Amino acid sequence: MNLPLRPPPSVHRHEPPAAGNTPPMRSRVTGVLAAVACAACCALPLLIAAGVTTAGAAILEKTLLAVAAGLAAAALGMWWLHRRRTARRAAAAAATCGCGGCGC
């Protein structure tokens, strides 16, 4: 007994690859390092007041503040660049789906 064949679909559709919203691992690691530097920067005044650290820690505090800001900016920049590249790849994949110009 033979079964009838299905007719080919009349509409050819391609789903473009979804652009990832999650930050890449390098951006997450940089963000965690920025948070650690910020926490250390916020803890230094308390340690200075408690007499645990020396007065040279005030210079370290300003340095940690600059490092935390730089790392946070780098993490956000890497995330932005990742999203831009992912969106560009998704648009290129949708434009060149290889279906012969069906307009999908």
PDB file of N, CA and C in Angstrom:
ATOM      1  N   MET A   1       0.839  -1.176   0.000  1.00  0.00           N
ATOM      2  CA  MET A   1       0.000   0.000   0.000  1.00  0.00           C
ATOM      3  C   MET A   1       0.885   1.241   0.000  1.00  0.00           C
ATOM      4  N   ASN A   2       0.683   2.108  -0.936  1.00  0.00           N
ATOM      5  CA  ASN A   2       1.462   3.338  -1.054  1.00  0.00           C
ATOM      6  C   ASN A   2       0.714   4.508  -0.442  1.00  0.00           C
ATOM      7  N   LEU A   3       1.493   5.352   0.259  1.00  0.00           N
ATOM      8  CA  LEU A   3       0.921   6.552   0.840  1.00  0.00           C
ATOM      9  C   LEU A   3       1.145   7.724  -0.106  1.00  0.00           C
ATOM     10  N   PRO A   4       0.210   8.668  -0.182  1.00  0.00           N
ATOM     11  CA  PRO A   4       0.411   9.821  -1.072  1.00  0.00           C
ATOM     12  C   PRO A   4       1.513  10.729  -0.539  1.00  0.00           C
ATOM     13  N   LEU A   5       2.221  11.354  -1.448  1.00  0.00           N
ATOM     14  CA  LEU A   5       3.287  12.279  -1.078  1.00  0.00           C
ATOM     15  C   LEU A   5       2.701  13.631  -0.699  1.00  0.00           C
ATOM     16  N   ARG A   6       3.382  14.303   0.196  1.00  0.00           N
ATOM     17  CA  ARG A   6       2.955  15.649   0.579  1.00  0.00           C
ATOM     18  C   ARG A   6       3.384  16.635  -0.493  1.00  0.00           C
ATOM     19  N   PRO A   7       2.534  17.598  -0.787  1.00  0.00           N
ATOM     20  CA  PRO A   7       2.956  18.627  -1.743  1.00  0.00           C
ATOM     21  C   PRO A   7       3.998  19.536  -1.094  1.00  0.00           C
ATOM     22  N   PRO A   8       4.899  20.108  -1.873  1.00  0.00           N
ATOM     23  CA  PRO A   8       5.905  21.011  -1.295  1.00  0.00           C
ATOM     24  C   PRO A   8       5.220  22.255  -0.733  1.00  0.00           C
ATOM     25  N   PRO A   9       5.812  22.847   0.284  1.00  0.00           N
ATOM     26  CA  PRO A   9       5.204  24.055   0.857  1.00  0.00           C
ATOM     27  C   PRO A   9       5.209  25.193  -0.162  1.00  0.00           C
ATOM     28  N   SER A  10       4.149  25.966  -0.147  1.00  0.00           N
ATOM     29  CA  SER A  10       4.018  27.034  -1.135  1.00  0.00           C
ATOM     30  C   SER A  10       4.803  28.281  -0.733  1.00  0.00           C
ATOM     31  N   VAL A  11       5.028  28.465   0.542  1.00  0.00           N
ATOM     32  CA  VAL A  11       5.739  29.644   1.022  1.00  0.00           C
ATOM     33  C   VAL A  11       7.045  29.187   1.645  1.00  0.00           C
ATOM     34  N   HIS A  12       8.125  29.796   1.231  1.00  0.00           N
ATOM     35  CA  HIS A  12       9.458  29.438   1.728  1.00  0.00           C
ATOM     36  C   HIS A  12       9.847  30.451   2.799  1.00  0.00           C
ATOM     37  N   ARG A  13       9.977  30.007   4.054  1.00  0.00           N
ATOM     38  CA  ARG A  13      10.286  30.930   5.148  1.00  0.00           C
ATOM     39  C   ARG A  13      11.586  30.518   5.822  1.00  0.00           C
ATOM     40  N   HIS A  14      12.342  31.521   6.165  1.00  0.00           N
ATOM     41  CA  HIS A  14      13.565  31.319   6.941  1.00  0.00           C
ATOM     42  C   HIS A  14      13.467  32.150   8.199  1.00  0.00           C
ATOM     43  N   GLU A  15      13.829  31.569   9.300  1.00  0.00           N
ATOM     44  CA  GLU A  15      13.893  32.311  10.551  1.00  0.00           C
ATOM     45  C   GLU A  15      15.328  32.806  10.727  1.00  0.00           C
ATOM     46  N   PRO A  16      15.534  34.099  10.842  1.00  0.00           N
ATOM     47  CA  PRO A  16      16.900  34.587  11.051  1.00  0.00           C
ATOM     48  C   PRO A  16      17.397  34.157  12.422  1.00  0.00           C
ATOM     49  N   PRO A  17      18.697  33.950  12.563  1.00  0.00           N
ATOM     50  CA  PRO A  17      19.230  33.588  13.873  1.00  0.00           C
ATOM     51  C   PRO A  17      18.954  34.693  14.880  1.00  0.00           C
ATOM     52  N   ALA A  18      18.572  34.273  16.045  1.00  0.00           N
ATOM     53  CA  ALA A  18      18.253  35.243  17.090  1.00  0.00           C
ATOM     54  C   ALA A  18      19.520  35.911  17.595  1.00  0.00           C
ATOM     55  N   ALA A  19      19.453  37.205  17.780  1.00  0.00           N
ATOM     56  CA  ALA A  19      20.587  37.947  18.321  1.00  0.00           C
ATOM     57  C   ALA A  19      20.636  37.707  19.819  1.00  0.00           C
ATOM     58  N   GLY A  20      21.794  37.340  20.331  1.00  0.00           N
ATOM     59  CA  GLY A  20      21.928  37.049  21.751  1.00  0.00           C
ATOM     60  C   GLY A  20      21.899  38.311  22.598  1.00  0.00           C
ATOM     61  N   ASN A  21      21.111  38.276  23.652  1.00  0.00           N
ATOM     62  CA  ASN A  21      21.033  39.420  24.551  1.00  0.00           C
ATOM     63  C   ASN A  21      21.964  39.270  25.734  1.00  0.00           C
ATOM     64  N   THR A  22      22.483  38.085  25.959  1.00  0.00           N
ATOM     65  CA  THR A  22      23.356  37.889  27.107  1.00  0.00           C
ATOM     66  C   THR A  22      24.752  38.388  26.781  1.00  0.00           C
ATOM     67  N   PRO A  23      25.404  38.974  27.759  1.00  0.00           N
ATOM     68  CA  PRO A  23      26.756  39.465  27.499  1.00  0.00           C
ATOM     69  C   PRO A  23      27.736  38.296  27.346  1.00  0.00           C
ATOM     70  N   PRO A  24      28.791  38.475  26.567  1.00  0.00           N
ATOM     71  CA  PRO A  24      29.775  37.408  26.418  1.00  0.00           C
ATOM     72  C   PRO A  24      30.554  37.206  27.718  1.00  0.00           C
ATOM     73  N   MET A  25      31.246  36.090  27.815  1.00  0.00           N
ATOM     74  CA  MET A  25      31.971  35.747  29.043  1.00  0.00           C
ATOM     75  C   MET A  25      33.019  36.800  29.389  1.00  0.00           C
ATOM     76  N   ARG A  26      33.728  37.329  28.402  1.00  0.00           N
ATOM     77  CA  ARG A  26      34.766  38.327  28.701  1.00  0.00           C
ATOM     78  C   ARG A  26      34.162  39.583  29.306  1.00  0.00           C
ATOM     79  N   SER A  27      32.951  39.939  28.890  1.00  0.00           N
ATOM     80  CA  SER A  27      32.290  41.103  29.454  1.00  0.00           C
ATOM     81  C   SER A  27      31.819  40.828  30.880  1.00  0.00           C
ATOM     82  N   ARG A  28      31.334  39.611  31.124  1.00  0.00           N
ATOM     83  CA  ARG A  28      30.907  39.256  32.480  1.00  0.00           C
ATOM     84  C   ARG A  28      32.078  39.244  33.443  1.00  0.00           C
ATOM     85  N   VAL A  29      33.208  38.685  33.007  1.00  0.00           N
ATOM     86  CA  VAL A  29      34.391  38.638  33.874  1.00  0.00           C
ATOM     87  C   VAL A  29      34.874  40.052  34.172  1.00  0.00           C
ATOM     88  N   THR A  30      34.899  40.905  33.170  1.00  0.00           N
ATOM     89  CA  THR A  30      35.319  42.282  33.372  1.00  0.00           C
ATOM     90  C   THR A  30      34.367  43.010  34.315  1.00  0.00           C
ATOM     91  N   GLY A  31      33.077  42.739  34.188  1.00  0.00           N
ATOM     92  CA  GLY A  31      32.092  43.336  35.085  1.00  0.00           C
ATOM     93  C   GLY A  31      32.273  42.883  36.526  1.00  0.00           C
ATOM     94  N   VAL A  32      32.581  41.609  36.721  1.00  0.00           N
ATOM     95  CA  VAL A  32      32.827  41.100  38.078  1.00  0.00           C
ATOM     96  C   VAL A  32      34.080  41.742  38.662  1.00  0.00           C
ATOM     97  N   LEU A  33      35.115  41.866  37.857  1.00  0.00           N
ATOM     98  CA  LEU A  33      36.341  42.522  38.331  1.00  0.00           C
ATOM     99  C   LEU A  33      36.075  43.984  38.693  1.00  0.00           C
ATOM    100  N   ALA A  34      35.225  44.656  37.917  1.00  0.00           N
ATOM    101  CA  ALA A  34      34.867  46.037  38.238  1.00  0.00           C
ATOM    102  C   ALA A  34      34.109  46.101  39.557  1.00  0.00           C
ATOM    103  N   ALA A  35      33.234  45.140  39.804  1.00  0.00           N
ATOM    104  CA  ALA A  35      32.482  45.113  41.064  1.00  0.00           C
ATOM    105  C   ALA A  35      33.405  44.850  42.248  1.00  0.00           C
ATOM    106  N   VAL A  36      34.379  43.973  42.074  1.00  0.00           N
ATOM    107  CA  VAL A  36      35.336  43.687  43.154  1.00  0.00           C
ATOM    108  C   VAL A  36      36.184  44.922  43.443  1.00  0.00           C
ATOM    109  N   ALA A  37      36.648  45.599  42.394  1.00  0.00           N
ATOM    110  CA  ALA A  37      37.437  46.822  42.592  1.00  0.00           C
ATOM    111  C   ALA A  37      36.601  47.908  43.263  1.00  0.00           C
ATOM    112  N   CYS A  38      35.334  47.990  42.915  1.00  0.00           N
ATOM    113  CA  CYS A  38      34.455  48.976  43.535  1.00  0.00           C
ATOM    114  C   CYS A  38      34.219  48.639  45.007  1.00  0.00           C
ATOM    115  N   ALA A  39      34.020  47.361  45.315  1.00  0.00           N
ATOM    116  CA  ALA A  39      33.827  46.954  46.711  1.00  0.00           C
ATOM    117  C   ALA A  39      35.074  47.235  47.540  1.00  0.00           C
ATOM    118  N   ALA A  40      36.250  46.969  46.967  1.00  0.00           N
ATOM    119  CA  ALA A  40      37.492  47.250  47.679  1.00  0.00           C
ATOM    120  C   ALA A  40      37.662  48.751  47.886  1.00  0.00           C
ATOM    121  N   CYS A  41      37.270  49.529  46.899  1.00  0.00           N
ATOM    122  CA  CYS A  41      37.360  50.989  47.006  1.00  0.00           C
ATOM    123  C   CYS A  41      36.431  51.510  48.100  1.00  0.00           C
ATOM    124  N   CYS A  42      35.262  50.918  48.214  1.00  0.00           N
ATOM    125  CA  CYS A  42      34.315  51.349  49.243  1.00  0.00           C
ATOM    126  C   CYS A  42      34.712  50.861  50.639  1.00  0.00           C
ATOM    127  N   ALA A  43      35.452  49.763  50.706  1.00  0.00           N
ATOM    128  CA  ALA A  43      35.858  49.227  52.006  1.00  0.00           C
ATOM    129  C   ALA A  43      37.089  49.931  52.568  1.00  0.00           C
ATOM    130  N   LEU A  44      37.893  50.544  51.723  1.00  0.00           N
ATOM    131  CA  LEU A  44      39.126  51.180  52.188  1.00  0.00           C
ATOM    132  C   LEU A  44      38.901  52.319  53.195  1.00  0.00           C
ATOM    133  N   PRO A  45      37.921  53.197  53.011  1.00  0.00           N
ATOM    134  CA  PRO A  45      37.729  54.250  54.029  1.00  0.00           C
ATOM    135  C   PRO A  45      37.392  53.671  55.409  1.00  0.00           C
ATOM    136  N   LEU A  46      36.647  52.601  55.419  1.00  0.00           N
ATOM    137  CA  LEU A  46      36.318  51.960  56.695  1.00  0.00           C
ATOM    138  C   LEU A  46      37.561  51.350  57.344  1.00  0.00           C
ATOM    139  N   LEU A  47      38.402  50.747  56.512  1.00  0.00           N
ATOM    140  CA  LEU A  47      39.636  50.155  57.035  1.00  0.00           C
ATOM    141  C   LEU A  47      40.603  51.237  57.520  1.00  0.00           C
ATOM    142  N   ILE A  48      40.637  52.378  56.825  1.00  0.00           N
ATOM    143  CA  ILE A  48      41.492  53.480  57.255  1.00  0.00           C
ATOM    144  C   ILE A  48      40.999  54.030  58.590  1.00  0.00           C
ATOM    145  N   ALA A  49      39.677  54.214  58.715  1.00  0.00           N
ATOM    146  CA  ALA A  49      39.108  54.741  59.961  1.00  0.00           C
ATOM    147  C   ALA A  49      39.318  53.782  61.122  1.00  0.00           C
ATOM    148  N   ALA A  50      39.315  52.497  60.836  1.00  0.00           N
ATOM    149  CA  ALA A  50      39.508  51.505  61.892  1.00  0.00           C
ATOM    150  C   ALA A  50      40.987  51.374  62.266  1.00  0.00           C
ATOM    151  N   GLY A  51      41.854  51.969  61.482  1.00  0.00           N
ATOM    152  CA  GLY A  51      43.282  51.904  61.770  1.00  0.00           C
ATOM    153  C   GLY A  51      43.949  50.634  61.291  1.00  0.00           C
ATOM    154  N   VAL A  52      43.278  49.889  60.437  1.00  0.00           N
ATOM    155  CA  VAL A  52      43.833  48.630  59.935  1.00  0.00           C
ATOM    156  C   VAL A  52      44.879  48.893  58.860  1.00  0.00           C
ATOM    157  N   THR A  53      44.647  49.875  58.024  1.00  0.00           N
ATOM    158  CA  THR A  53      45.593  50.168  56.938  1.00  0.00           C
ATOM    159  C   THR A  53      46.274  51.503  57.198  1.00  0.00           C
ATOM    160  N   THR A  54      47.292  51.768  56.431  1.00  0.00           N
ATOM    161  CA  THR A  54      48.065  53.003  56.594  1.00  0.00           C
ATOM    162  C   THR A  54      47.449  54.129  55.775  1.00  0.00           C
ATOM    163  N   ALA A  55      48.027  55.290  55.886  1.00  0.00           N
ATOM    164  CA  ALA A  55      47.534  56.453  55.152  1.00  0.00           C
ATOM    165  C   ALA A  55      47.793  56.327  53.656  1.00  0.00           C
ATOM    166  N   GLY A  56      48.718  55.491  53.240  1.00  0.00           N
ATOM    167  CA  GLY A  56      48.982  55.278  51.813  1.00  0.00           C
ATOM    168  C   GLY A  56      47.805  54.621  51.110  1.00  0.00           C
ATOM    169  N   ALA A  57      46.880  54.098  51.875  1.00  0.00           N
ATOM    170  CA  ALA A  57      45.709  53.466  51.280  1.00  0.00           C
ATOM    171  C   ALA A  57      44.790  54.479  50.623  1.00  0.00           C
ATOM    172  N   ALA A  58      44.902  55.744  50.993  1.00  0.00           N
ATOM    173  CA  ALA A  58      44.076  56.783  50.350  1.00  0.00           C
ATOM    174  C   ALA A  58      44.433  56.901  48.881  1.00  0.00           C
ATOM    175  N   ILE A  59      45.713  56.778  48.572  1.00  0.00           N
ATOM    176  CA  ILE A  59      46.142  56.803  47.167  1.00  0.00           C
ATOM    177  C   ILE A  59      45.621  55.564  46.449  1.00  0.00           C
ATOM    178  N   LEU A  60      45.677  54.434  47.146  1.00  0.00           N
ATOM    179  CA  LEU A  60      45.167  53.187  46.577  1.00  0.00           C
ATOM    180  C   LEU A  60      43.664  53.293  46.319  1.00  0.00           C
ATOM    181  N   GLU A  61      42.959  54.011  47.190  1.00  0.00           N
ATOM    182  CA  GLU A  61      41.517  54.169  47.019  1.00  0.00           C
ATOM    183  C   GLU A  61      41.200  54.903  45.721  1.00  0.00           C
ATOM    184  N   LYS A  62      41.913  55.965  45.446  1.00  0.00           N
ATOM    185  CA  LYS A  62      41.681  56.727  44.212  1.00  0.00           C
ATOM    186  C   LYS A  62      42.030  55.890  42.979  1.00  0.00           C
ATOM    187  N   THR A  63      43.094  55.094  43.108  1.00  0.00           N
ATOM    188  CA  THR A  63      43.485  54.226  42.000  1.00  0.00           C
ATOM    189  C   THR A  63      42.427  53.165  41.753  1.00  0.00           C
ATOM    190  N   LEU A  64      41.904  52.567  42.831  1.00  0.00           N
ATOM    191  CA  LEU A  64      40.864  51.552  42.675  1.00  0.00           C
ATOM    192  C   LEU A  64      39.592  52.135  42.073  1.00  0.00           C
ATOM    193  N   LEU A  65      39.290  53.370  42.409  1.00  0.00           N
ATOM    194  CA  LEU A  65      38.118  54.022  41.824  1.00  0.00           C
ATOM    195  C   LEU A  65      38.289  54.171  40.314  1.00  0.00           C
ATOM    196  N   ALA A  66      39.466  54.584  39.890  1.00  0.00           N
ATOM    197  CA  ALA A  66      39.735  54.724  38.456  1.00  0.00           C
ATOM    198  C   ALA A  66      39.726  53.374  37.751  1.00  0.00           C
ATOM    199  N   VAL A  67      40.289  52.360  38.404  1.00  0.00           N
ATOM    200  CA  VAL A  67      40.313  51.010  37.817  1.00  0.00           C
ATOM    201  C   VAL A  67      38.893  50.471  37.679  1.00  0.00           C
ATOM    202  N   ALA A  68      38.068  50.663  38.712  1.00  0.00           N
ATOM    203  CA  ALA A  68      36.679  50.182  38.664  1.00  0.00           C
ATOM    204  C   ALA A  68      35.905  50.866  37.542  1.00  0.00           C
ATOM    205  N   ALA A  69      36.092  52.164  37.394  1.00  0.00           N
ATOM    206  CA  ALA A  69      35.400  52.889  36.324  1.00  0.00           C
ATOM    207  C   ALA A  69      35.866  52.424  34.949  1.00  0.00           C
ATOM    208  N   GLY A  70      37.169  52.221  34.818  1.00  0.00           N
ATOM    209  CA  GLY A  70      37.703  51.737  33.539  1.00  0.00           C
ATOM    210  C   GLY A  70      37.215  50.344  33.192  1.00  0.00           C
ATOM    211  N   LEU A  71      37.176  49.456  34.182  1.00  0.00           N
ATOM    212  CA  LEU A  71      36.693  48.099  33.936  1.00  0.00           C
ATOM    213  C   LEU A  71      35.202  48.087  33.603  1.00  0.00           C
ATOM    214  N   ALA A  72      34.428  48.920  34.271  1.00  0.00           N
ATOM    215  CA  ALA A  72      32.996  48.987  33.970  1.00  0.00           C
ATOM    216  C   ALA A  72      32.768  49.509  32.550  1.00  0.00           C
ATOM    217  N   ALA A  73      33.520  50.508  32.147  1.00  0.00           N
ATOM    218  CA  ALA A  73      33.403  51.031  30.785  1.00  0.00           C
ATOM    219  C   ALA A  73      33.835  49.979  29.758  1.00  0.00           C
ATOM    220  N   ALA A  74      34.887  49.227  30.071  1.00  0.00           N
ATOM    221  CA  ALA A  74      35.338  48.179  29.159  1.00  0.00           C
ATOM    222  C   ALA A  74      34.301  47.072  29.041  1.00  0.00           C
ATOM    223  N   ALA A  75      33.683  46.682  30.149  1.00  0.00           N
ATOM    224  CA  ALA A  75      32.661  45.634  30.118  1.00  0.00           C
ATOM    225  C   ALA A  75      31.464  46.063  29.280  1.00  0.00           C
ATOM    226  N   LEU A  76      31.020  47.301  29.467  1.00  0.00           N
ATOM    227  CA  LEU A  76      29.894  47.795  28.673  1.00  0.00           C
ATOM    228  C   LEU A  76      30.264  47.912  27.197  1.00  0.00           C
ATOM    229  N   GLY A  77      31.476  48.336  26.909  1.00  0.00           N
ATOM    230  CA  GLY A  77      31.921  48.420  25.524  1.00  0.00           C
ATOM    231  C   GLY A  77      31.997  47.061  24.852  1.00  0.00           C
ATOM    232  N   MET A  78      32.487  46.065  25.574  1.00  0.00           N
ATOM    233  CA  MET A  78      32.553  44.716  24.999  1.00  0.00           C
ATOM    234  C   MET A  78      31.161  44.149  24.755  1.00  0.00           C
ATOM    235  N   TRP A  79      30.230  44.424  25.665  1.00  0.00           N
ATOM    236  CA  TRP A  79      28.864  43.951  25.484  1.00  0.00           C
ATOM    237  C   TRP A  79      28.226  44.616  24.273  1.00  0.00           C
ATOM    238  N   TRP A  80      28.424  45.935  24.133  1.00  0.00           N
ATOM    239  CA  TRP A  80      27.882  46.654  22.989  1.00  0.00           C
ATOM    240  C   TRP A  80      28.457  46.118  21.685  1.00  0.00           C
ATOM    241  N   LEU A  81      29.762  45.891  21.665  1.00  0.00           N
ATOM    242  CA  LEU A  81      30.405  45.378  20.455  1.00  0.00           C
ATOM    243  C   LEU A  81      29.898  43.983  20.118  1.00  0.00           C
ATOM    244  N   HIS A  82      29.694  43.153  21.122  1.00  0.00           N
ATOM    245  CA  HIS A  82      29.172  41.797  20.903  1.00  0.00           C
ATOM    246  C   HIS A  82      27.770  41.857  20.297  1.00  0.00           C
ATOM    247  N   ARG A  83      26.911  42.707  20.852  1.00  0.00           N
ATOM    248  CA  ARG A  83      25.540  42.826  20.323  1.00  0.00           C
ATOM    249  C   ARG A  83      25.546  43.370  18.898  1.00  0.00           C
ATOM    250  N   ARG A  84      26.449  44.299  18.617  1.00  0.00           N
ATOM    251  CA  ARG A  84      26.526  44.865  17.271  1.00  0.00           C
ATOM    252  C   ARG A  84      26.960  43.809  16.262  1.00  0.00           C
ATOM    253  N   ARG A  85      27.976  43.029  16.621  1.00  0.00           N
ATOM    254  CA  ARG A  85      28.456  41.978  15.718  1.00  0.00           C
ATOM    255  C   ARG A  85      27.405  40.895  15.524  1.00  0.00           C
ATOM    256  N   THR A  86      26.713  40.513  16.596  1.00  0.00           N
ATOM    257  CA  THR A  86      25.687  39.481  16.503  1.00  0.00           C
ATOM    258  C   THR A  86      24.540  39.946  15.620  1.00  0.00           C
ATOM    259  N   ALA A  87      24.120  41.182  15.770  1.00  0.00           N
ATOM    260  CA  ALA A  87      23.038  41.714  14.940  1.00  0.00           C
ATOM    261  C   ALA A  87      23.466  41.788  13.480  1.00  0.00           C
ATOM    262  N   ARG A  88      24.717  42.158  13.244  1.00  0.00           N
ATOM    263  CA  ARG A  88      25.210  42.230  11.867  1.00  0.00           C
ATOM    264  C   ARG A  88      25.249  40.843  11.228  1.00  0.00           C
ATOM    265  N   ARG A  89      25.692  39.834  11.996  1.00  0.00           N
ATOM    266  CA  ARG A  89      25.710  38.469  11.465  1.00  0.00           C
ATOM    267  C   ARG A  89      24.298  37.962  11.192  1.00  0.00           C
ATOM    268  N   ALA A  90      23.355  38.273  12.056  1.00  0.00           N
ATOM    269  CA  ALA A  90      21.984  37.843  11.860  1.00  0.00           C
ATOM    270  C   ALA A  90      21.382  38.489  10.618  1.00  0.00           C
ATOM    271  N   ALA A  91      21.685  39.759  10.407  1.00  0.00           N
ATOM    272  CA  ALA A  91      21.172  40.446   9.216  1.00  0.00           C
ATOM    273  C   ALA A  91      21.804  39.887   7.952  1.00  0.00           C
ATOM    274  N   ALA A  92      23.084  39.563   8.011  1.00  0.00           N
ATOM    275  CA  ALA A  92      23.756  38.988   6.834  1.00  0.00           C
ATOM    276  C   ALA A  92      23.227  37.592   6.529  1.00  0.00           C
ATOM    277  N   ALA A  93      22.939  36.803   7.565  1.00  0.00           N
ATOM    278  CA  ALA A  93      22.413  35.463   7.350  1.00  0.00           C
ATOM    279  C   ALA A  93      21.005  35.519   6.776  1.00  0.00           C
ATOM    280  N   ALA A  94      20.226  36.499   7.169  1.00  0.00           N
ATOM    281  CA  ALA A  94      18.867  36.631   6.639  1.00  0.00           C
ATOM    282  C   ALA A  94      18.901  37.103   5.190  1.00  0.00           C
ATOM    283  N   ALA A  95      19.878  37.936   4.852  1.00  0.00           N
ATOM    284  CA  ALA A  95      19.965  38.470   3.499  1.00  0.00           C
ATOM    285  C   ALA A  95      20.460  37.427   2.508  1.00  0.00           C
ATOM    286  N   THR A  96      21.314  36.534   2.944  1.00  0.00           N
ATOM    287  CA  THR A  96      21.885  35.523   2.062  1.00  0.00           C
ATOM    288  C   THR A  96      21.450  34.137   2.532  1.00  0.00           C
ATOM    289  N   CYS A  97      20.165  33.884   2.466  1.00  0.00           N
ATOM    290  CA  CYS A  97      19.673  32.590   2.954  1.00  0.00           C
ATOM    291  C   CYS A  97      19.891  31.483   1.941  1.00  0.00           C
ATOM    292  N   GLY A  98      20.228  31.813   0.708  1.00  0.00           N
ATOM    293  CA  GLY A  98      20.542  30.796  -0.295  1.00  0.00           C
ATOM    294  C   GLY A  98      19.324  30.169  -0.921  1.00  0.00           C
ATOM    295  N   CYS A  99      18.193  30.825  -0.875  1.00  0.00           N
ATOM    296  CA  CYS A  99      16.974  30.212  -1.414  1.00  0.00           C
ATOM    297  C   CYS A  99      16.658  30.722  -2.824  1.00  0.00           C
ATOM    298  N   GLY A 100      17.523  31.490  -3.394  1.00  0.00           N
ATOM    299  CA  GLY A 100      17.315  31.922  -4.759  1.00  0.00           C
ATOM    300  C   GLY A 100      16.494  33.189  -4.894  1.00  0.00           C
ATOM    301  N   GLY A 101      16.495  34.023  -3.878  1.00  0.00           N
ATOM    302  CA  GLY A 101      15.800  35.303  -3.975  1.00  0.00           C
ATOM    303  C   GLY A 101      14.290  35.192  -3.853  1.00  0.00           C
ATOM    304  N   CYS A 102      13.823  34.420  -2.907  1.00  0.00           N
ATOM    305  CA  CYS A 102      12.365  34.261  -2.757  1.00  0.00           C
ATOM    306  C   CYS A 102      11.749  35.424  -1.996  1.00  0.00           C
ATOM    307  N   GLY A 103      12.581  36.311  -1.442  1.00  0.00           N
ATOM    308  CA  GLY A 103      12.049  37.468  -0.751  1.00  0.00           C
ATOM    309  C   GLY A 103      11.688  37.213   0.700  1.00  0.00           C
ATOM    310  N   CYS A 104      12.197  36.153   1.249  1.00  0.00           N
ATOM    311  CA  CYS A 104      11.875  35.863   2.648  1.00  0.00           C
ATOM    312  C   CYS A 104      12.753  36.627   3.606  1.00  0.00           C
TER     313      CYS A 104
END
